[in-house]
Amino acid sequence: MSESHHGKCPLGCGGGVCVVQTIPVRTIEELWAPRLQGVLQLAPPPFQSIGLVKCAECSFTWCAPPWEGTPELYRALSTSVREYYEEDRFDFRVARRWIMASDTVLEIGAGAGHFARSVTCKTYTGLETNPAAVATAEVAGQLVLDQTVAQYLAATGDPLDVVCLFQVLEHVHDPVRFLRPLVDRLGVNGRLIVAVPADDSYIGHLANCPGNLPPHHLSRWSDKSLCRLGEVLKLTLIESVHEGVTEVPSQVQATKIRDCAMVTLMDALDAVLHREPKPVRRSWGDQILLKIARAGAAPLAKCLQARPMGIWGHTVAAVFRR
């Protein structure tokens, strides 16, 4: 990693930052092409490359300059990726443990309202900016509004008991600025429940994964950066729990375990060859290593599936209290 002049950590740390990798925009477009041909070209960014920058103190990683996903990108993902809005998930199950029947709950990025159908609380409101998802939630009888956080908070002054963000924060350019008005609206003992892709798990080392790159994911969250988030928002972290690699729907379990196996092998090859892992790996040498890892992933995946204990999966959920 190289020294950077990309400013300070968005989580307010005072230490240095480093550029993990500088990635050409064209490369990201090529990685997306098999799934979403031409979607990124609808709103190309005004720059040719983007840097992934990491805080040396809290390990929070973000993109600079920011490149946020367009409504067209999320609309295309929600229609082409079957599990983009899953009906029941690990993070939903964690959140339900911290929500009481007397609570007022606000969910940001509510999608089609799947969490609303599974939680017992006094009142539930979801916010979602994908009109198609809002329409699906309305048909199901869930209160999901096509509003921004600012619009919702301006329209109501009522305190909140719980604010939930499931797989949302990694899409936000300035997470502290985004969350602070929501935290301010929490009542005494109010809870902020956040779930993000776990950068400490295999997903953080999975190469050439466009879904974990801008403009889809603008940041990467480790356990250390989640702890730092609580500190800067003056919240107490009361639980942080990782999904197991097999705690996913059966139709995607094999893919997740195979990815985990491939990352395990790539990390071993990198260690032997003294190579530094990178989010995007396109050189001829990288391609050879990736082919070797793919060849060995299938038998290793069978071993991991037989003994998955202690292997972290895609998601980490954190519960904070005011």
Protein backbone atom coordinates (compact mmCIF):
# COMPACT_ATOMS: atom_id res chain seq x y z
CA MET A 1 0.00 0.00 0.00
CA SER A 2 1.24 3.49 -0.81
CA GLU A 3 1.07 6.72 1.15
CA SER A 4 -1.91 8.87 0.29
CA HIS A 5 -3.02 12.46 0.36
CA HIS A 6 -6.72 11.56 0.18
CA GLY A 7 -7.57 13.47 3.34
CA LYS A 8 -8.56 12.18 6.75
CA CYS A 9 -10.49 9.09 7.73
CA PRO A 10 -14.26 9.71 7.42
CA LEU A 11 -14.63 8.19 10.90
CA GLY A 12 -12.52 10.95 12.40
CA CYS A 13 -9.30 9.08 13.12
CA GLY A 14 -6.15 11.16 13.34
CA GLY A 15 -3.72 8.62 11.91
CA GLY A 16 -2.46 8.18 8.39
CA VAL A 17 -4.25 6.72 5.39
CA CYS A 18 -2.95 4.58 2.54
CA VAL A 19 -4.12 3.82 -0.99
CA VAL A 20 -4.92 0.11 -1.19
CA GLN A 21 -5.34 0.20 -4.96
CA THR A 22 -6.09 2.63 -7.77
CA ILE A 23 -8.61 1.08 -10.15
CA PRO A 24 -9.48 2.34 -13.64
CA VAL A 25 -13.18 3.01 -14.10
CA ARG A 26 -13.05 1.01 -17.33
CA THR A 27 -11.89 -2.06 -15.38
CA ILE A 28 -14.87 -1.81 -13.03
CA GLU A 29 -17.19 -1.49 -16.02
CA GLU A 30 -15.65 -4.65 -17.51
CA LEU A 31 -16.17 -6.57 -14.26
CA TRP A 32 -19.85 -5.59 -14.22
CA ALA A 33 -20.41 -6.27 -17.93
CA PRO A 34 -21.37 -9.99 -17.71
CA ARG A 35 -24.19 -9.15 -15.32
CA LEU A 36 -25.21 -5.56 -16.09
CA GLN A 37 -24.07 -4.76 -19.59
CA GLY A 38 -24.05 -0.99 -20.20
CA VAL A 39 -25.67 0.09 -16.92
CA LEU A 40 -22.63 1.97 -15.60
CA GLN A 41 -22.18 3.79 -18.91
CA LEU A 42 -25.57 5.46 -18.43
CA ALA A 43 -24.01 7.84 -15.89
CA PRO A 44 -20.22 7.67 -16.24
CA PRO A 45 -18.18 9.42 -13.53
CA PRO A 46 -16.13 12.55 -14.35
CA PHE A 47 -12.83 10.76 -13.65
CA GLN A 48 -10.83 7.90 -15.18
CA SER A 49 -9.80 6.01 -12.03
CA ILE A 50 -10.79 5.62 -8.41
CA GLY A 51 -8.75 4.92 -5.29
CA LEU A 52 -9.58 2.58 -2.44
CA VAL A 53 -8.19 4.31 0.64
CA LYS A 54 -7.69 2.67 4.05
CA CYS A 55 -7.31 4.20 7.49
CA ALA A 56 -4.21 2.91 9.28
CA GLU A 57 -5.89 3.33 12.67
CA CYS A 58 -9.39 1.84 12.32
CA SER A 59 -8.98 0.00 8.96
CA PHE A 60 -12.07 1.69 7.49
CA THR A 61 -11.77 1.66 3.68
CA TRP A 62 -13.51 4.07 1.33
CA CYS A 63 -13.39 5.19 -2.30
CA ALA A 64 -11.94 8.50 -3.40
CA PRO A 65 -13.26 10.35 -5.25
CA PRO A 66 -16.75 9.14 -4.30
CA TRP A 67 -18.67 7.33 -7.02
CA GLU A 68 -22.23 6.63 -5.94
CA GLY A 69 -24.55 4.18 -7.65
CA THR A 70 -27.38 5.56 -9.76
CA PRO A 71 -31.06 4.57 -9.43
CA GLU A 72 -30.62 2.69 -12.70
CA LEU A 73 -27.90 0.51 -11.15
CA TYR A 74 -30.02 -0.47 -8.16
CA ARG A 75 -33.09 -1.02 -10.31
CA ALA A 76 -31.08 -3.33 -12.57
CA LEU A 77 -29.62 -5.22 -9.59
CA SER A 78 -33.00 -5.70 -7.92
CA THR A 79 -34.43 -7.25 -11.08
CA SER A 80 -31.42 -9.35 -12.17
CA VAL A 81 -30.02 -10.63 -8.85
CA ARG A 82 -32.47 -13.08 -7.29
CA GLU A 83 -31.27 -12.67 -3.71
CA TYR A 84 -30.80 -8.86 -3.79
CA TYR A 85 -33.85 -8.40 -1.51
CA GLU A 86 -33.86 -11.59 0.56
CA GLU A 87 -36.97 -12.45 2.57
CA ASP A 88 -35.15 -13.63 5.69
CA ARG A 89 -31.53 -13.14 6.60
CA PHE A 90 -29.01 -13.51 9.36
CA ASP A 91 -29.05 -9.77 10.11
CA PHE A 92 -32.85 -9.81 10.42
CA ARG A 93 -32.60 -12.55 13.02
CA VAL A 94 -30.00 -10.62 15.02
CA ALA A 95 -32.09 -7.46 14.94
CA ARG A 96 -35.27 -9.18 16.11
CA ARG A 97 -33.53 -10.12 19.37
CA TRP A 98 -33.13 -6.43 20.19
CA ILE A 99 -36.62 -5.21 19.25
CA MET A 100 -39.50 -5.26 21.72
CA ALA A 101 -43.23 -5.22 21.06
CA SER A 102 -43.42 -1.67 22.45
CA ASP A 103 -40.74 -0.24 20.12
CA THR A 104 -41.04 2.31 17.34
CA VAL A 105 -38.84 1.07 14.49
CA LEU A 106 -37.44 2.87 11.45
CA GLU A 107 -35.66 0.87 8.75
CA ILE A 108 -33.47 2.65 6.20
CA GLY A 109 -33.21 0.92 2.83
CA ALA A 110 -36.21 -1.26 3.53
CA GLY A 111 -36.40 -2.75 0.06
CA ALA A 112 -39.66 -4.62 -0.45
CA GLY A 113 -40.46 -4.65 3.28
CA HIS A 114 -39.32 -8.19 4.10
CA PHE A 115 -38.03 -7.29 7.56
CA ALA A 116 -41.33 -5.58 8.39
CA ARG A 117 -43.18 -8.86 7.87
CA SER A 118 -41.04 -10.70 10.41
CA VAL A 119 -40.67 -8.20 13.26
CA THR A 120 -43.07 -7.58 16.16
CA CYS A 121 -43.11 -3.96 17.29
CA LYS A 122 -45.46 -1.09 18.11
CA THR A 123 -44.93 0.79 14.84
CA TYR A 124 -42.76 0.13 11.82
CA THR A 125 -41.78 2.52 9.03
CA GLY A 126 -39.43 1.74 6.18
CA LEU A 127 -37.69 4.17 3.84
CA GLU A 128 -36.71 3.10 0.33
CA THR A 129 -35.75 5.05 -2.80
CA ASN A 130 -36.33 2.21 -5.28
CA PRO A 131 -39.91 2.82 -6.51
CA ALA A 132 -40.36 -0.78 -7.66
CA ALA A 133 -39.46 -2.10 -4.19
CA VAL A 134 -41.78 0.44 -2.55
CA ALA A 135 -44.63 -0.71 -4.80
CA THR A 136 -43.99 -4.36 -3.86
CA ALA A 137 -44.07 -3.47 -0.16
CA GLU A 138 -47.30 -1.54 -0.60
CA VAL A 139 -48.99 -4.53 -2.22
CA ALA A 140 -47.92 -6.62 0.79
CA GLY A 141 -49.41 -4.05 3.17
CA GLN A 142 -46.11 -2.77 4.60
CA LEU A 143 -45.51 0.90 5.40
CA VAL A 144 -42.48 1.62 3.20
CA LEU A 145 -42.15 5.23 2.04
CA ASP A 146 -40.37 6.57 -1.03
CA GLN A 147 -38.57 9.22 1.04
CA THR A 148 -35.06 10.20 1.99
CA VAL A 149 -33.96 10.26 5.62
CA ALA A 150 -34.00 14.06 5.59
CA GLN A 151 -37.56 14.15 4.24
CA TYR A 152 -38.80 11.69 6.83
CA LEU A 153 -37.15 13.40 9.80
CA ALA A 154 -38.47 16.78 8.67
CA ALA A 155 -42.01 15.40 8.54
CA THR A 156 -42.08 13.87 12.02
CA GLY A 157 -40.61 14.85 15.36
CA ASP A 158 -41.35 11.62 17.21
CA PRO A 159 -38.44 9.84 18.94
CA LEU A 160 -37.38 6.41 17.72
CA ASP A 161 -36.59 3.31 19.74
CA VAL A 162 -34.75 1.44 16.98
CA VAL A 163 -33.12 2.44 13.69
CA CYS A 164 -32.09 -0.43 11.38
CA LEU A 165 -29.78 -0.35 8.37
CA PHE A 166 -29.30 -3.75 6.74
CA GLN A 167 -26.65 -3.76 3.99
CA VAL A 168 -27.02 0.01 3.55
CA LEU A 169 -24.06 1.75 5.16
CA GLU A 170 -21.55 0.42 2.63
CA HIS A 171 -23.47 2.33 -0.07
CA VAL A 172 -23.15 5.70 1.73
CA HIS A 173 -20.42 8.21 0.93
CA ASP A 174 -20.27 9.91 4.36
CA PRO A 175 -21.56 7.41 6.98
CA VAL A 176 -21.16 9.64 10.05
CA ARG A 177 -22.96 12.57 8.46
CA PHE A 178 -25.68 10.20 7.24
CA LEU A 179 -26.21 8.54 10.64
CA ARG A 180 -25.93 11.50 13.00
CA PRO A 181 -29.48 12.88 12.45
CA LEU A 182 -30.87 9.37 12.98
CA VAL A 183 -28.88 8.89 16.18
CA ASP A 184 -30.07 12.28 17.42
CA ARG A 185 -33.65 11.09 16.97
CA LEU A 186 -33.12 7.96 19.11
CA GLY A 187 -34.73 8.07 22.53
CA VAL A 188 -33.12 7.01 25.80
CA ASN A 189 -31.71 3.47 25.41
CA GLY A 190 -32.51 3.68 21.70
CA ARG A 191 -30.72 1.16 19.49
CA LEU A 192 -28.94 1.54 16.18
CA ILE A 193 -28.67 -1.81 14.38
CA VAL A 194 -26.26 -1.96 11.45
CA ALA A 195 -25.38 -4.89 9.18
CA VAL A 196 -22.63 -4.65 6.56
CA PRO A 197 -20.43 -6.98 4.51
CA ALA A 198 -17.69 -8.17 6.88
CA ASP A 199 -14.34 -7.04 5.55
CA ASP A 200 -12.65 -9.33 8.07
CA SER A 201 -14.26 -12.35 6.39
CA TYR A 202 -13.60 -13.92 3.00
CA ILE A 203 -15.62 -11.18 1.27
CA GLY A 204 -12.88 -8.66 2.08
CA HIS A 205 -10.31 -10.69 0.10
CA LEU A 206 -12.52 -11.86 -2.76
CA ALA A 207 -10.86 -10.60 -5.94
CA ASN A 208 -12.64 -9.08 -8.93
CA CYS A 209 -15.97 -8.86 -7.13
CA PRO A 210 -17.81 -5.88 -8.70
CA GLY A 211 -20.52 -5.95 -6.05
CA ASN A 212 -17.92 -5.02 -3.43
CA LEU A 213 -16.53 -2.13 -5.47
CA PRO A 214 -17.81 1.36 -6.26
CA PRO A 215 -20.27 2.52 -7.43
CA HIS A 216 -22.13 -0.28 -5.59
CA HIS A 217 -20.11 -0.41 -2.37
CA LEU A 218 -18.43 2.86 -1.42
CA SER A 219 -16.86 1.57 1.79
CA ARG A 220 -15.59 -1.56 3.55
CA TRP A 221 -16.19 -2.27 7.23
CA SER A 222 -14.02 -4.25 9.61
CA ASP A 223 -14.79 -4.97 13.26
CA LYS A 224 -12.37 -2.19 14.21
CA SER A 225 -14.13 0.35 12.01
CA LEU A 226 -17.53 -0.59 13.45
CA CYS A 227 -16.14 0.00 16.95
CA ARG A 228 -14.83 3.35 15.79
CA LEU A 229 -18.24 4.22 14.34
CA GLY A 230 -19.80 3.77 17.78
CA GLU A 231 -17.14 5.96 19.37
CA VAL A 232 -17.58 8.86 16.95
CA LEU A 233 -21.39 8.71 17.30
CA LYS A 234 -21.08 8.44 21.11
CA LEU A 235 -22.90 5.11 21.18
CA THR A 236 -22.15 1.95 23.14
CA LEU A 237 -21.50 -1.20 21.11
CA ILE A 238 -23.52 -3.88 22.89
CA GLU A 239 -23.24 -6.71 20.36
CA SER A 240 -21.21 -7.54 17.29
CA VAL A 241 -21.84 -10.92 15.70
CA HIS A 242 -20.62 -12.54 12.49
CA GLU A 243 -22.71 -14.70 10.21
CA GLY A 244 -21.42 -18.23 9.77
CA VAL A 245 -20.50 -19.14 6.22
CA THR A 246 -23.36 -21.69 6.11
CA GLU A 247 -26.00 -19.37 7.66
CA VAL A 248 -27.38 -18.47 4.25
CA PRO A 249 -30.24 -19.78 2.08
CA SER A 250 -29.49 -23.19 0.62
CA GLN A 251 -29.62 -21.92 -2.98
CA VAL A 252 -26.59 -19.65 -2.43
CA GLN A 253 -24.72 -21.68 0.21
CA ALA A 254 -22.55 -23.58 -2.27
CA THR A 255 -21.45 -20.34 -3.97
CA LYS A 256 -20.53 -18.69 -0.65
CA ILE A 257 -18.50 -21.72 0.51
CA ARG A 258 -16.74 -21.97 -2.86
CA ASP A 259 -15.80 -18.27 -2.67
CA CYS A 260 -14.50 -18.81 0.87
CA ALA A 261 -12.40 -21.75 -0.31
CA MET A 262 -10.99 -19.78 -3.22
CA VAL A 263 -10.01 -16.88 -0.94
CA THR A 264 -8.33 -19.30 1.46
CA LEU A 265 -6.22 -20.72 -1.36
CA MET A 266 -5.42 -17.29 -2.86
CA ASP A 267 -4.29 -16.01 0.55
CA ALA A 268 -2.00 -19.05 0.89
CA LEU A 269 -0.53 -18.52 -2.58
CA ASP A 270 0.01 -14.82 -1.89
CA ALA A 271 1.78 -15.63 1.37
CA VAL A 272 4.11 -18.14 -0.31
CA LEU A 273 4.92 -15.77 -3.18
CA HIS A 274 5.08 -12.64 -0.97
CA ARG A 275 2.34 -10.95 -2.97
CA GLU A 276 -0.06 -8.42 -1.49
CA PRO A 277 -3.79 -9.18 -1.98
CA LYS A 278 -5.66 -6.60 -4.05
CA PRO A 279 -9.41 -6.10 -4.59
CA VAL A 280 -8.91 -6.14 -8.38
CA ARG A 281 -6.49 -8.62 -9.90
CA ARG A 282 -6.14 -8.49 -13.68
CA SER A 283 -2.45 -9.07 -14.44
CA TRP A 284 -1.30 -12.26 -16.17
CA GLY A 285 0.31 -13.43 -12.94
CA ASP A 286 -2.94 -12.85 -11.06
CA GLN A 287 -4.87 -14.78 -13.69
CA ILE A 288 -2.58 -17.80 -13.28
CA LEU A 289 -2.99 -17.75 -9.50
CA LEU A 290 -6.76 -17.38 -9.80
CA LYS A 291 -6.91 -20.42 -12.10
CA ILE A 292 -4.91 -22.47 -9.60
CA ALA A 293 -7.19 -21.35 -6.76
CA ARG A 294 -10.33 -22.18 -8.77
CA ALA A 295 -8.99 -25.66 -9.49
CA GLY A 296 -8.42 -26.33 -5.81
CA ALA A 297 -11.55 -24.60 -4.53
CA ALA A 298 -13.99 -27.47 -5.15
CA PRO A 299 -12.30 -30.11 -2.92
CA LEU A 300 -11.53 -27.53 -0.23
CA ALA A 301 -15.15 -26.31 -0.32
CA LYS A 302 -16.32 -29.85 0.50
CA CYS A 303 -14.07 -29.84 3.58
CA LEU A 304 -15.31 -26.41 4.66
CA GLN A 305 -18.95 -27.44 4.23
CA ALA A 306 -18.35 -30.53 6.35
CA ARG A 307 -16.68 -28.49 9.13
CA PRO A 308 -17.87 -24.87 8.85
CA MET A 309 -17.54 -24.00 12.56
CA GLY A 310 -15.77 -20.70 13.16
CA ILE A 311 -15.68 -19.65 9.49
CA TRP A 312 -17.15 -16.19 9.08
CA GLY A 313 -19.61 -15.52 6.29
CA HIS A 314 -20.61 -12.45 4.32
CA THR A 315 -22.22 -10.30 7.04
CA VAL A 316 -21.42 -8.76 10.40
CA ALA A 317 -24.22 -7.21 12.48
CA ALA A 318 -23.55 -4.58 15.15
CA VAL A 319 -25.99 -3.28 17.75
CA PHE A 320 -25.34 0.09 19.40
CA ARG A 321 -27.19 1.73 22.29
CA ARG A 322 -27.56 5.42 23.01
